[in-house]
N, C-alpha and C. Protein backbone atom coordinates (compact mmCIF):
# COMPACT_ATOMS: atom_id res chain seq x y z
N MET A 1 -15.65 -16.26 1.88
CA MET A 1 -15.30 -17.29 0.91
C MET A 1 -13.96 -17.91 1.31
N PRO A 2 -13.88 -19.23 1.40
CA PRO A 2 -12.63 -19.87 1.80
C PRO A 2 -11.57 -19.72 0.71
N SER A 3 -10.33 -19.67 1.13
CA SER A 3 -9.22 -19.60 0.17
C SER A 3 -8.99 -20.98 -0.44
N ALA A 4 -8.21 -21.00 -1.52
CA ALA A 4 -7.89 -22.27 -2.17
C ALA A 4 -7.15 -23.20 -1.22
N ALA A 5 -6.36 -22.63 -0.31
CA ALA A 5 -5.62 -23.45 0.65
C ALA A 5 -6.57 -24.12 1.63
N GLN A 6 -7.73 -23.51 1.88
CA GLN A 6 -8.69 -24.06 2.85
C GLN A 6 -9.73 -24.95 2.20
N ASP A 7 -9.92 -24.87 0.90
CA ASP A 7 -10.96 -25.61 0.20
C ASP A 7 -10.32 -26.52 -0.85
N PRO A 8 -10.22 -27.83 -0.56
CA PRO A 8 -9.55 -28.74 -1.49
C PRO A 8 -10.20 -28.78 -2.87
N ASP A 9 -11.54 -28.65 -2.95
CA ASP A 9 -12.21 -28.66 -4.25
C ASP A 9 -11.84 -27.43 -5.07
N LEU A 10 -11.81 -26.28 -4.43
CA LEU A 10 -11.41 -25.05 -5.11
C LEU A 10 -9.96 -25.15 -5.56
N ARG A 11 -9.12 -25.66 -4.70
CA ARG A 11 -7.70 -25.82 -5.05
C ARG A 11 -7.54 -26.74 -6.25
N ALA A 12 -8.27 -27.83 -6.28
CA ALA A 12 -8.18 -28.77 -7.40
C ALA A 12 -8.65 -28.11 -8.69
N ARG A 13 -9.73 -27.33 -8.63
CA ARG A 13 -10.21 -26.63 -9.83
C ARG A 13 -9.20 -25.61 -10.30
N LEU A 14 -8.61 -24.85 -9.37
CA LEU A 14 -7.61 -23.85 -9.75
C LEU A 14 -6.36 -24.51 -10.34
N ASP A 15 -5.92 -25.60 -9.72
CA ASP A 15 -4.77 -26.34 -10.26
C ASP A 15 -5.05 -26.84 -11.67
N GLY A 16 -6.24 -27.36 -11.89
CA GLY A 16 -6.62 -27.86 -13.22
C GLY A 16 -6.66 -26.74 -14.25
N LEU A 17 -7.23 -25.62 -13.87
CA LEU A 17 -7.30 -24.48 -14.78
C LEU A 17 -5.90 -23.97 -15.12
N LEU A 18 -5.04 -23.88 -14.12
CA LEU A 18 -3.67 -23.44 -14.35
C LEU A 18 -2.94 -24.42 -15.26
N ASP A 19 -3.13 -25.71 -15.06
CA ASP A 19 -2.52 -26.72 -15.93
C ASP A 19 -3.00 -26.58 -17.37
N GLU A 20 -4.31 -26.30 -17.54
CA GLU A 20 -4.85 -26.10 -18.89
C GLU A 20 -4.22 -24.89 -19.57
N HIS A 21 -4.08 -23.81 -18.83
CA HIS A 21 -3.48 -22.59 -19.40
C HIS A 21 -2.01 -22.81 -19.73
N ARG A 22 -1.30 -23.50 -18.86
CA ARG A 22 0.11 -23.81 -19.15
C ARG A 22 0.22 -24.65 -20.42
N ALA A 23 -0.64 -25.66 -20.55
CA ALA A 23 -0.61 -26.54 -21.71
C ALA A 23 -0.94 -25.77 -22.99
N ALA A 24 -1.90 -24.86 -22.92
CA ALA A 24 -2.26 -24.06 -24.10
C ALA A 24 -1.10 -23.17 -24.52
N LEU A 25 -0.44 -22.55 -23.56
CA LEU A 25 0.70 -21.69 -23.88
C LEU A 25 1.85 -22.52 -24.44
N HIS A 26 2.10 -23.66 -23.82
CA HIS A 26 3.16 -24.55 -24.30
C HIS A 26 2.84 -25.01 -25.72
N GLY A 27 1.59 -25.37 -25.98
CA GLY A 27 1.19 -25.80 -27.31
C GLY A 27 1.36 -24.72 -28.35
N SER A 28 1.16 -23.46 -27.95
CA SER A 28 1.35 -22.35 -28.88
C SER A 28 2.80 -22.16 -29.27
N LEU A 29 3.71 -22.55 -28.39
CA LEU A 29 5.14 -22.36 -28.64
C LEU A 29 5.81 -23.61 -29.18
N ASP A 30 5.16 -24.75 -29.05
CA ASP A 30 5.76 -26.02 -29.43
C ASP A 30 6.15 -26.02 -30.91
N GLY A 31 7.40 -26.32 -31.17
CA GLY A 31 7.89 -26.41 -32.54
C GLY A 31 8.35 -25.10 -33.15
N LEU A 32 8.19 -23.99 -32.43
CA LEU A 32 8.62 -22.70 -32.96
C LEU A 32 10.09 -22.46 -32.66
N SER A 33 10.74 -21.77 -33.56
CA SER A 33 12.11 -21.32 -33.28
C SER A 33 12.01 -20.11 -32.34
N GLU A 34 13.13 -19.73 -31.77
CA GLU A 34 13.13 -18.55 -30.90
C GLU A 34 12.71 -17.32 -31.71
N GLU A 35 13.18 -17.24 -32.93
CA GLU A 35 12.82 -16.09 -33.79
C GLU A 35 11.30 -16.04 -33.99
N GLN A 36 10.70 -17.19 -34.24
CA GLN A 36 9.24 -17.23 -34.43
C GLN A 36 8.51 -16.86 -33.15
N ALA A 37 9.01 -17.31 -32.00
CA ALA A 37 8.37 -17.01 -30.72
C ALA A 37 8.48 -15.53 -30.38
N ARG A 38 9.49 -14.85 -30.93
CA ARG A 38 9.68 -13.42 -30.68
C ARG A 38 8.95 -12.54 -31.68
N ARG A 39 8.38 -13.13 -32.72
CA ARG A 39 7.72 -12.37 -33.78
C ARG A 39 6.44 -11.72 -33.26
N ARG A 40 6.22 -10.49 -33.64
CA ARG A 40 4.99 -9.78 -33.29
C ARG A 40 3.93 -10.12 -34.32
N LEU A 41 2.81 -10.62 -33.86
CA LEU A 41 1.72 -11.02 -34.75
C LEU A 41 0.51 -10.11 -34.65
N VAL A 42 0.58 -9.15 -33.74
CA VAL A 42 -0.50 -8.18 -33.54
C VAL A 42 0.11 -6.79 -33.50
N PRO A 43 -0.69 -5.73 -33.65
CA PRO A 43 -0.13 -4.37 -33.68
C PRO A 43 0.62 -3.97 -32.40
N SER A 44 0.30 -4.58 -31.28
CA SER A 44 1.01 -4.25 -30.04
C SER A 44 2.38 -4.93 -30.04
N ARG A 45 3.12 -4.77 -28.98
CA ARG A 45 4.44 -5.39 -28.86
C ARG A 45 4.37 -6.82 -28.33
N THR A 46 3.17 -7.38 -28.25
CA THR A 46 2.95 -8.71 -27.70
C THR A 46 3.57 -9.78 -28.59
N THR A 47 4.27 -10.72 -27.95
CA THR A 47 4.81 -11.89 -28.65
C THR A 47 4.47 -13.12 -27.81
N LEU A 48 4.56 -14.30 -28.43
CA LEU A 48 4.31 -15.53 -27.66
C LEU A 48 5.34 -15.69 -26.55
N LEU A 49 6.60 -15.37 -26.85
CA LEU A 49 7.64 -15.47 -25.82
C LEU A 49 7.36 -14.48 -24.68
N GLY A 50 6.89 -13.29 -25.02
CA GLY A 50 6.52 -12.31 -24.00
C GLY A 50 5.39 -12.80 -23.12
N LEU A 51 4.42 -13.49 -23.72
CA LEU A 51 3.32 -14.05 -22.92
C LEU A 51 3.83 -15.12 -21.97
N LEU A 52 4.76 -15.94 -22.45
CA LEU A 52 5.34 -16.97 -21.59
C LEU A 52 6.08 -16.34 -20.41
N LYS A 53 6.88 -15.33 -20.69
CA LYS A 53 7.62 -14.65 -19.61
C LYS A 53 6.66 -14.01 -18.61
N HIS A 54 5.60 -13.40 -19.13
CA HIS A 54 4.61 -12.77 -18.25
C HIS A 54 3.93 -13.81 -17.36
N ALA A 55 3.52 -14.93 -17.95
CA ALA A 55 2.86 -15.98 -17.18
C ALA A 55 3.78 -16.52 -16.09
N ALA A 56 5.05 -16.72 -16.42
CA ALA A 56 6.01 -17.22 -15.42
C ALA A 56 6.19 -16.21 -14.29
N TYR A 57 6.28 -14.94 -14.65
CA TYR A 57 6.44 -13.89 -13.63
C TYR A 57 5.21 -13.83 -12.71
N VAL A 58 4.02 -13.83 -13.31
CA VAL A 58 2.79 -13.74 -12.51
C VAL A 58 2.66 -14.94 -11.58
N GLU A 59 2.97 -16.13 -12.09
CA GLU A 59 2.92 -17.32 -11.22
C GLU A 59 3.90 -17.18 -10.07
N GLY A 60 5.10 -16.71 -10.35
CA GLY A 60 6.10 -16.54 -9.30
C GLY A 60 5.63 -15.57 -8.22
N VAL A 61 5.08 -14.44 -8.66
CA VAL A 61 4.57 -13.45 -7.71
C VAL A 61 3.41 -14.02 -6.91
N TRP A 62 2.49 -14.68 -7.61
CA TRP A 62 1.32 -15.23 -6.92
C TRP A 62 1.73 -16.26 -5.88
N PHE A 63 2.60 -17.20 -6.26
CA PHE A 63 3.02 -18.23 -5.32
C PHE A 63 3.79 -17.62 -4.16
N ASP A 64 4.62 -16.63 -4.42
CA ASP A 64 5.37 -15.96 -3.35
C ASP A 64 4.38 -15.34 -2.36
N GLN A 65 3.37 -14.65 -2.87
CA GLN A 65 2.39 -14.02 -2.00
C GLN A 65 1.57 -15.06 -1.25
N ALA A 66 1.20 -16.14 -1.94
CA ALA A 66 0.38 -17.19 -1.31
C ALA A 66 1.14 -17.88 -0.20
N ILE A 67 2.44 -18.08 -0.40
CA ILE A 67 3.23 -18.81 0.59
C ILE A 67 3.72 -17.90 1.72
N THR A 68 4.22 -16.72 1.35
CA THR A 68 4.81 -15.85 2.37
C THR A 68 3.84 -14.81 2.90
N GLY A 69 2.79 -14.52 2.12
CA GLY A 69 1.85 -13.48 2.54
C GLY A 69 2.35 -12.07 2.27
N ARG A 70 3.52 -11.96 1.65
CA ARG A 70 4.06 -10.63 1.34
C ARG A 70 3.43 -10.08 0.07
N GLY A 71 3.28 -8.79 0.01
CA GLY A 71 2.80 -8.14 -1.21
C GLY A 71 3.96 -7.60 -2.01
N HIS A 72 3.72 -7.32 -3.27
CA HIS A 72 4.76 -6.75 -4.13
C HIS A 72 4.39 -5.36 -4.53
């Protein structure tokens, strides 16, 4: 199976999906105060701000690996 770097159609679909997920996360946080973004709404320790931090971290790791080929 070709990688996204080798298949422009796959890359475009992945970029679109990533943009949709970013927009959904942004929409979830839009208009919230920091206190509201830090509020736990489920029994776990999950917060909207925590999800944003996680998404940013995962993107950073993924792009680093995709560009440099290094593993973490």
